[in-house]
Protein backbone atom coordinates (compact mmCIF):
# COMPACT_ATOMS: atom_id res chain seq x y z
CA MET A 1 41.07 -28.36 -45.68
CA ALA A 2 41.88 -31.14 -42.41
CA ARG A 3 38.82 -32.32 -40.79
CA PRO A 4 38.78 -31.74 -36.87
CA PRO A 5 39.56 -34.23 -34.49
CA LEU A 6 36.51 -37.22 -34.30
CA VAL A 7 36.67 -35.93 -30.51
CA LEU A 8 36.66 -32.34 -30.94
CA CYS A 9 32.88 -32.94 -32.61
CA LEU A 10 31.53 -35.10 -30.08
CA SER A 11 32.93 -32.31 -27.39
CA LEU A 12 31.15 -29.26 -29.57
CA LEU A 13 28.06 -31.82 -29.94
CA ALA A 14 27.47 -31.97 -26.20
CA LEU A 15 28.50 -28.23 -25.29
CA ALA A 16 25.38 -27.66 -28.05
CA LEU A 17 22.49 -29.73 -26.85
CA VAL A 18 23.97 -28.98 -23.05
CA SER A 19 23.01 -25.68 -24.45
CA VAL A 20 19.59 -26.50 -26.05
CA SER A 21 18.57 -28.31 -22.48
CA THR A 22 19.91 -25.61 -19.75
CA ALA A 23 18.08 -22.47 -21.93
CA SER A 24 15.58 -20.39 -20.36
CA PRO A 25 11.80 -20.97 -21.25
CA ARG A 26 10.10 -18.71 -23.20
CA LYS A 27 8.26 -16.38 -21.54
CA VAL A 28 4.19 -16.13 -22.81
CA VAL A 29 2.37 -13.30 -21.94
CA GLY A 30 -0.93 -14.88 -20.73
CA PHE A 31 -4.73 -12.75 -19.14
CA TYR A 32 -6.12 -14.59 -15.62
CA GLU A 33 -9.26 -13.90 -14.04
CA LEU A 34 -10.05 -14.08 -11.11
CA LYS A 35 -13.17 -14.01 -9.83
CA LYS A 36 -16.12 -13.89 -6.25
CA GLY A 37 -19.80 -13.97 -7.31
CA ASP A 38 -20.14 -11.07 -10.10
CA PHE A 39 -16.89 -9.44 -8.79
CA SER A 40 -13.99 -9.70 -10.96
CA VAL A 41 -10.52 -9.40 -12.02
CA LYS A 42 -8.50 -9.67 -14.72
CA VAL A 43 -4.72 -9.11 -15.43
CA THR A 44 -1.39 -10.06 -17.80
CA ASN A 45 1.39 -10.72 -16.25
CA TRP A 46 2.69 -8.19 -19.02
CA GLY A 47 3.62 -5.23 -16.82
CA ALA A 48 1.31 -7.02 -13.67
CA THR A 49 -1.02 -4.77 -15.42
CA ILE A 50 -4.62 -5.08 -14.22
CA VAL A 51 -6.59 -4.99 -17.28
CA SER A 52 -10.12 -5.04 -16.35
CA ILE A 53 -12.40 -4.95 -12.78
CA VAL A 54 -16.00 -5.71 -12.92
CA LEU A 55 -18.81 -5.23 -10.43
CA PRO A 56 -22.16 -3.75 -10.08
CA ASP A 57 -23.61 -0.41 -9.79
CA SER A 58 -26.87 0.14 -7.14
CA LYS A 59 -29.20 -1.45 -9.19
CA GLY A 60 -26.95 -4.65 -9.84
CA ASN A 61 -26.08 -3.47 -13.38
CA LEU A 62 -22.54 -4.75 -14.12
CA ALA A 63 -19.55 -2.61 -15.91
CA ASP A 64 -15.60 -2.10 -16.46
CA VAL A 65 -14.37 0.71 -14.40
CA VAL A 66 -11.16 0.91 -15.53
CA LEU A 67 -9.79 2.11 -18.64
CA GLY A 68 -7.63 -0.50 -20.59
CA PHE A 69 -7.46 -2.18 -24.47
CA ASP A 70 -8.86 -4.99 -26.40
CA GLY A 71 -5.25 -7.73 -26.30
CA LEU A 72 -2.34 -7.33 -25.82
CA GLY A 73 -0.91 -4.99 -28.43
CA PRO A 74 -1.95 -1.75 -27.75
CA TYR A 75 -0.63 -2.99 -23.84
CA ILE A 76 3.16 -2.85 -24.89
CA ASN A 77 3.00 0.32 -26.23
CA ASN A 78 1.05 2.04 -23.06
CA SER A 79 2.20 4.96 -22.55
CA ALA A 80 -0.79 6.03 -20.23
CA TYR A 81 0.39 3.37 -18.13
CA PHE A 82 -3.42 1.94 -18.07
CA GLY A 83 -3.57 -0.38 -15.27
CA ALA A 84 0.05 -1.28 -14.86
CA LEU A 85 2.98 -1.93 -11.75
CA VAL A 86 5.99 0.62 -12.40
CA GLY A 87 9.05 0.76 -10.85
CA ARG A 88 11.56 0.40 -10.36
CA VAL A 89 11.20 3.57 -9.20
CA GLY A 90 7.69 5.14 -10.26
CA ASN A 91 6.81 9.18 -10.11
CA ARG A 92 9.97 10.92 -11.35
CA ILE A 93 13.72 11.75 -10.49
CA SER A 94 15.14 14.71 -11.57
CA GLY A 95 18.04 14.51 -13.61
CA ALA A 96 17.41 11.22 -14.50
CA ARG A 97 19.96 10.75 -11.57
CA PHE A 98 20.71 10.20 -8.07
CA VAL A 99 23.62 10.48 -5.37
CA LEU A 100 23.63 7.20 -2.67
CA ASN A 101 26.22 6.25 -0.69
CA GLY A 102 28.61 8.68 -2.43
CA LYS A 103 27.91 6.76 -5.69
CA ALA A 104 26.43 9.27 -8.83
CA TYR A 105 24.06 6.83 -11.05
CA ARG A 106 23.23 8.07 -13.63
CA LEU A 107 19.28 6.54 -15.74
CA TYR A 108 17.47 6.64 -18.85
CA ALA A 109 15.78 9.74 -19.11
CA ASN A 110 12.22 9.39 -20.64
CA ASP A 111 10.24 12.49 -19.42
CA GLY A 112 12.53 15.72 -21.20
CA ASN A 113 16.17 15.41 -18.73
CA ASN A 114 14.19 13.28 -15.97
CA SER A 115 13.16 9.79 -15.49
CA LEU A 116 9.86 8.68 -15.19
CA HIS A 117 7.81 5.54 -13.58
CA GLY A 118 11.53 3.41 -14.02
CA GLY A 119 13.11 4.31 -17.40
CA HIS A 120 11.65 4.09 -21.32
CA ARG A 121 11.43 -0.38 -19.97
CA GLY A 122 10.46 -0.23 -16.34
CA PHE A 123 8.71 -3.04 -15.07
CA SER A 124 5.10 -1.75 -16.49
CA HIS A 125 6.64 -3.02 -19.71
CA VAL A 126 8.35 -5.99 -18.95
CA ILE A 127 6.98 -9.61 -19.39
CA TRP A 128 6.42 -11.17 -15.30
CA THR A 129 6.87 -14.77 -14.40
CA VAL A 130 3.33 -16.04 -13.03
CA LYS A 131 4.22 -17.81 -9.55
CA GLU A 132 0.77 -18.55 -8.64
CA LYS A 133 -2.58 -18.60 -10.02
CA VAL A 134 -5.17 -19.84 -6.79
CA ASP A 135 -8.85 -20.05 -7.02
CA GLY A 136 -11.15 -20.76 -4.52
CA GLU A 137 -13.03 -18.03 -2.36
CA PHE A 138 -10.40 -15.69 -2.34
CA PRO A 139 -8.66 -15.76 -5.73
CA TYR A 140 -5.07 -14.78 -6.02
CA ILE A 141 -2.40 -14.75 -8.23
CA THR A 142 1.40 -13.73 -7.83
CA LEU A 143 3.73 -12.24 -10.63
CA TYR A 144 7.50 -11.78 -10.03
CA TYR A 145 9.93 -10.28 -11.71
CA HIS A 146 14.13 -10.40 -11.83
CA SER A 147 15.66 -6.67 -11.85
CA PHE A 148 19.15 -7.15 -13.01
CA ASP A 149 22.17 -4.46 -11.56
CA GLY A 150 22.41 -2.21 -13.60
CA GLU A 151 18.61 -2.33 -15.84
CA GLN A 152 17.79 1.40 -16.68
CA GLY A 153 20.65 2.93 -14.61
CA PHE A 154 19.17 1.63 -11.12
CA PRO A 155 21.63 -0.48 -9.06
CA GLY A 156 21.59 -3.91 -7.76
CA ASP A 157 19.76 -7.36 -8.41
CA LEU A 158 16.09 -6.68 -7.29
CA ASP A 159 13.69 -9.39 -7.10
CA VAL A 160 9.79 -8.44 -7.18
CA PHE A 161 6.80 -10.13 -6.42
CA VAL A 162 2.82 -8.57 -7.16
CA THR A 163 -0.20 -10.57 -5.99
CA TYR A 164 -3.71 -9.27 -6.77
CA LYS A 165 -6.42 -11.00 -4.71
CA ILE A 166 -10.23 -10.69 -4.12
CA SER A 167 -9.53 -10.90 -0.12
CA GLY A 168 -13.16 -10.86 0.54
CA ALA A 169 -16.76 -9.81 -0.77
CA TYR A 170 -15.99 -6.79 -3.68
CA GLU A 171 -12.15 -6.26 -2.23
CA LEU A 172 -9.23 -5.97 -3.70
CA SER A 173 -5.78 -6.24 -2.19
CA VAL A 174 -2.87 -5.14 -3.87
CA THR A 175 0.34 -6.83 -2.14
CA MET A 176 3.91 -5.94 -3.43
CA ASP A 177 7.52 -7.01 -2.17
CA ALA A 178 10.55 -6.16 -3.73
CA LYS A 179 14.28 -7.75 -2.34
CA SER A 180 17.48 -5.83 -2.56
CA VAL A 181 19.46 -8.97 -3.70
CA ASN A 182 22.64 -7.00 -3.50
CA LYS A 183 23.08 -3.08 -3.57
CA ALA A 184 21.20 -0.46 -1.76
CA THR A 185 19.32 0.77 -4.37
CA PRO A 186 16.05 3.18 -4.23
CA VAL A 187 12.74 1.67 -4.90
CA ASN A 188 9.03 2.71 -4.91
CA LEU A 189 6.69 0.85 -6.23
CA LEU A 190 3.47 2.26 -7.96
CA GLN A 191 -0.30 0.37 -9.37
CA HIS A 192 -0.91 3.10 -12.26
CA THR A 193 -5.35 1.69 -12.94
CA TYR A 194 -7.01 4.20 -13.96
CA TRP A 195 -10.58 4.46 -12.66
CA ASN A 196 -13.68 5.90 -13.63
CA LEU A 197 -16.61 3.96 -11.23
CA GLY A 198 -19.34 5.45 -14.00
CA GLY A 199 -17.88 2.62 -16.26
CA HIS A 200 -14.44 2.75 -18.31
CA ASN A 201 -16.71 4.56 -21.25
CA SER A 202 -18.61 6.66 -18.85
CA GLY A 203 -17.10 9.75 -19.90
CA THR A 204 -15.12 12.01 -17.37
CA ILE A 205 -14.59 11.64 -14.21
CA LEU A 206 -15.61 15.35 -13.22
CA SER A 207 -18.94 14.54 -11.78
CA ASN A 208 -17.38 12.10 -8.78
CA THR A 209 -16.54 12.74 -5.48
CA VAL A 210 -12.95 12.74 -3.94
CA GLN A 211 -11.81 12.55 -0.32
CA ILE A 212 -8.43 12.22 0.02
CA PHE A 213 -7.14 12.39 3.91
CA ALA A 214 -4.26 14.94 4.01
CA SER A 215 -3.61 18.29 4.99
CA HIS A 216 -0.51 18.79 2.74
CA VAL A 217 1.05 18.01 -0.48
CA THR A 218 4.52 18.37 -1.92
CA PRO A 219 4.42 21.24 -4.80
CA SER A 220 6.41 20.50 -7.79
CA ASP A 221 7.75 22.99 -10.55
CA SER A 222 6.66 23.06 -14.41
CA HIS A 223 7.97 19.96 -14.78
CA LEU A 224 6.02 18.47 -12.51
CA ILE A 225 9.07 17.67 -10.36
CA PRO A 226 8.98 18.55 -6.36
CA THR A 227 9.99 21.33 -5.04
CA GLY A 228 10.97 19.78 -2.21
CA GLU A 229 8.32 21.91 -0.22
CA ILE A 230 5.57 20.41 1.73
CA VAL A 231 2.95 22.87 1.87
CA SER A 232 -0.43 22.86 3.41
CA VAL A 233 -3.72 22.26 1.25
CA SER A 234 -5.88 25.19 3.34
CA GLY A 235 -7.59 27.54 0.70
CA THR A 236 -6.40 25.95 -2.18
CA PRO A 237 -7.67 23.52 -4.72
CA TYR A 238 -6.12 20.51 -3.30
CA ASP A 239 -7.30 20.66 -0.66
CA PHE A 240 -10.33 17.15 -0.06
CA LEU A 241 -10.08 17.13 3.73
CA LYS A 242 -14.11 16.54 2.75
CA PRO A 243 -15.95 14.91 0.08
CA MET A 244 -15.64 17.86 -3.00
CA ILE A 245 -16.71 16.58 -6.86
CA VAL A 246 -13.69 16.54 -8.86
CA GLY A 247 -14.70 19.17 -11.68
CA SER A 248 -15.90 21.91 -8.86
CA ARG A 249 -12.15 23.71 -8.83
CA ILE A 250 -10.04 21.77 -11.60
CA ASN A 251 -10.56 24.99 -13.47
CA GLU A 252 -8.16 26.90 -11.07
CA LEU A 253 -5.36 23.91 -12.20
CA THR A 254 -3.38 24.22 -15.41
CA GLY A 255 -4.61 20.99 -16.73
CA GLY A 256 -5.95 19.35 -14.12
CA TYR A 257 -4.82 17.04 -10.95
CA ASP A 258 -1.63 15.68 -10.96
CA ILE A 259 -0.08 15.75 -7.35
CA ASN A 260 1.47 13.75 -4.17
CA TYR A 261 -0.80 14.12 -1.08
CA VAL A 262 1.39 13.76 2.62
CA LEU A 263 -1.33 11.36 4.36
CA ASP A 264 -2.15 12.22 7.67
CA LEU A 265 -4.59 9.50 8.56
CA PRO A 266 -2.17 7.32 11.85
CA MET A 267 -1.90 3.29 10.90
CA ASP A 268 -4.34 1.23 12.09
CA SER A 269 -3.16 -2.24 13.89
CA HIS A 270 -2.45 -4.13 10.28
CA GLY A 271 0.18 -1.04 9.30
CA MET A 272 -2.80 0.37 7.09
CA ARG A 273 -4.12 4.18 6.32
CA LYS A 274 -7.06 5.29 5.00
CA VAL A 275 -5.91 7.12 1.96
CA ALA A 276 -9.17 8.26 -0.15
CA VAL A 277 -12.96 7.55 -0.83
CA VAL A 278 -14.55 8.04 -4.52
CA LYS A 279 -17.73 7.83 -5.31
CA ASP A 280 -20.00 8.07 -8.22
CA GLY A 281 -23.68 9.79 -7.79
CA GLY A 282 -24.61 8.13 -11.48
CA SER A 283 -23.87 4.73 -10.49
CA GLY A 284 -23.92 4.20 -6.63
CA ARG A 285 -20.42 2.83 -6.98
CA ALA A 286 -17.89 3.62 -4.50
CA PHE A 287 -15.02 2.37 -3.30
CA GLU A 288 -12.17 3.26 0.65
CA LEU A 289 -8.77 2.90 -0.83
CA TRP A 290 -6.49 2.03 2.74
CA SER A 291 -2.41 1.86 2.27
CA ASN A 292 0.94 1.43 4.08
CA GLN A 293 2.41 4.58 2.00
CA PRO A 294 2.99 7.88 3.11
CA GLY A 295 1.89 9.59 0.04
CA VAL A 296 -1.07 9.38 -2.79
CA GLN A 297 -0.83 10.76 -6.26
CA PHE A 298 -3.33 12.07 -7.27
CA TYR A 299 -3.67 12.43 -11.20
CA THR A 300 -7.41 13.25 -13.29
CA SER A 301 -5.87 11.79 -16.70
CA ASN A 302 -4.74 15.27 -17.97
CA SER A 303 -3.18 14.22 -21.07
CA LEU A 304 -5.18 11.99 -22.28
CA LYS A 305 -6.56 12.59 -25.45
CA ASP A 306 -7.75 10.34 -28.44
CA VAL A 307 -6.91 7.12 -27.04
CA LYS A 308 -8.87 4.52 -28.57
CA GLY A 309 -9.81 1.66 -26.07
CA LYS A 310 -11.77 -0.92 -24.98
CA GLY A 311 -14.65 -1.80 -27.98
CA GLY A 312 -13.36 0.89 -29.54
CA PHE A 313 -14.49 4.29 -26.57
CA VAL A 314 -12.50 6.95 -27.20
CA TYR A 315 -10.95 8.35 -24.11
CA GLY A 316 -10.24 12.36 -23.50
CA GLN A 317 -8.63 14.66 -21.19
CA HIS A 318 -10.56 13.16 -17.81
CA ALA A 319 -11.81 9.85 -18.37
CA ALA A 320 -11.02 8.56 -15.15
CA LEU A 321 -8.58 9.18 -11.95
CA CYS A 322 -5.97 7.49 -10.52
CA LEU A 323 -5.07 7.44 -7.11
CA GLU A 324 -1.17 5.99 -7.13
CA THR A 325 0.16 5.35 -3.12
CA GLN A 326 3.35 5.56 -3.03
CA GLY A 327 7.28 7.09 -1.37
CA PHE A 328 7.12 10.72 -2.81
CA PRO A 329 7.82 11.85 -5.75
CA ASP A 330 12.07 12.20 -6.38
CA GLY A 331 12.05 11.10 -2.82
CA VAL A 332 15.91 9.79 -3.63
CA ASN A 333 17.25 13.12 -4.05
CA HIS A 334 15.38 15.30 -1.14
CA PRO A 335 17.34 14.05 2.26
CA ASN A 336 13.64 15.72 4.11
CA PHE A 337 11.45 13.13 2.08
CA PRO A 338 10.92 9.36 3.55
CA SER A 339 13.46 7.37 2.37
CA GLN A 340 13.35 4.49 -0.55
CA ILE A 341 16.68 3.05 -0.36
CA VAL A 342 16.22 -0.49 0.20
CA ASN A 343 19.46 -2.45 1.38
CA PRO A 344 21.14 -6.17 0.46
CA GLY A 345 19.13 -8.31 2.30
CA GLU A 346 15.89 -6.00 3.33
CA VAL A 347 12.87 -5.94 1.75
CA TYR A 348 10.47 -3.43 0.09
CA LYS A 349 6.79 -3.39 1.13
CA HIS A 350 3.65 -2.08 -0.38
CA TYR A 351 0.23 -2.97 0.19
CA MET A 352 -3.05 -1.30 -1.45
CA LEU A 353 -7.00 -2.11 -0.30
CA PHE A 354 -9.69 -1.50 -2.70
CA LYS A 355 -13.37 -1.72 -0.68
CA PHE A 356 -15.73 -1.18 -3.30
CA SER A 357 -19.70 -1.02 -2.63
CA TYR A 358 -22.30 -0.26 -4.33
């Protein structure tokens, strides 16, 4: 066989060296802690996930108040979305399809015929880049993910940032930004932490008291797809306008609570509204939730069953509750719901503030 010219060999070697030197660095998954006194928050850049929140009770005893796992492995196959940031579009999209600017887009169906939380490999199941971690009086971490055009069927490139920050004494702020680069696209990011203020291993949340500042809900069908209606909570088990014990009317529902509330209160001078208050009588722990979003999904972990969590504790039905501020579910298919479309150059902004007490 004839040997290739020396010039060609050198050229191929040069190309190989260039490809090695310009290869993207391998992403590494880590765990990161934010701490202020006896209040701490731990996150991982796998799914931009909150894995632990520790704070004292009325007697000074510390406990971790969010459900989760020991180590990374179980989070990779985390079908419950414990603590994750979900997107590009959280909650459900009916038929895993939508039409935008005259073009039909088909998504990855991972919940029967529907798309749930961005598809089978949504933002909760990817490695985010740690852009910045700052300690000090108000520690924070900022994570970044680039979602490519066509990922899980969604149009356009999207640059996404989330910052978790201890913004005050026993306060956690969550700031989510997403910039559309080149195509209009729906965006609805959710923070999917499971809360049990008695401690992640304390049993159910049925004795918790919850108040939700919303007089209407968006009812859904048997597949949890909104019908498009907006109905009053008056006279129904969904009425939490006054503080109510979670378990007091839960048996009137199939499985428990899993519905979007249409928030009532006006925005304050910072563009935030009070969403909900949760209290655990046994520990004295409580939190207020504030946000700039029009809705909140109230979910009482109805489908949890025999999930082995932290320290080997087994989580069952109603082991926690979720309050996920959001745009309305399936909003892209309901013109009467608030728009979730972000056009090129525009920035989606989603703020959450948890104010804890004990």
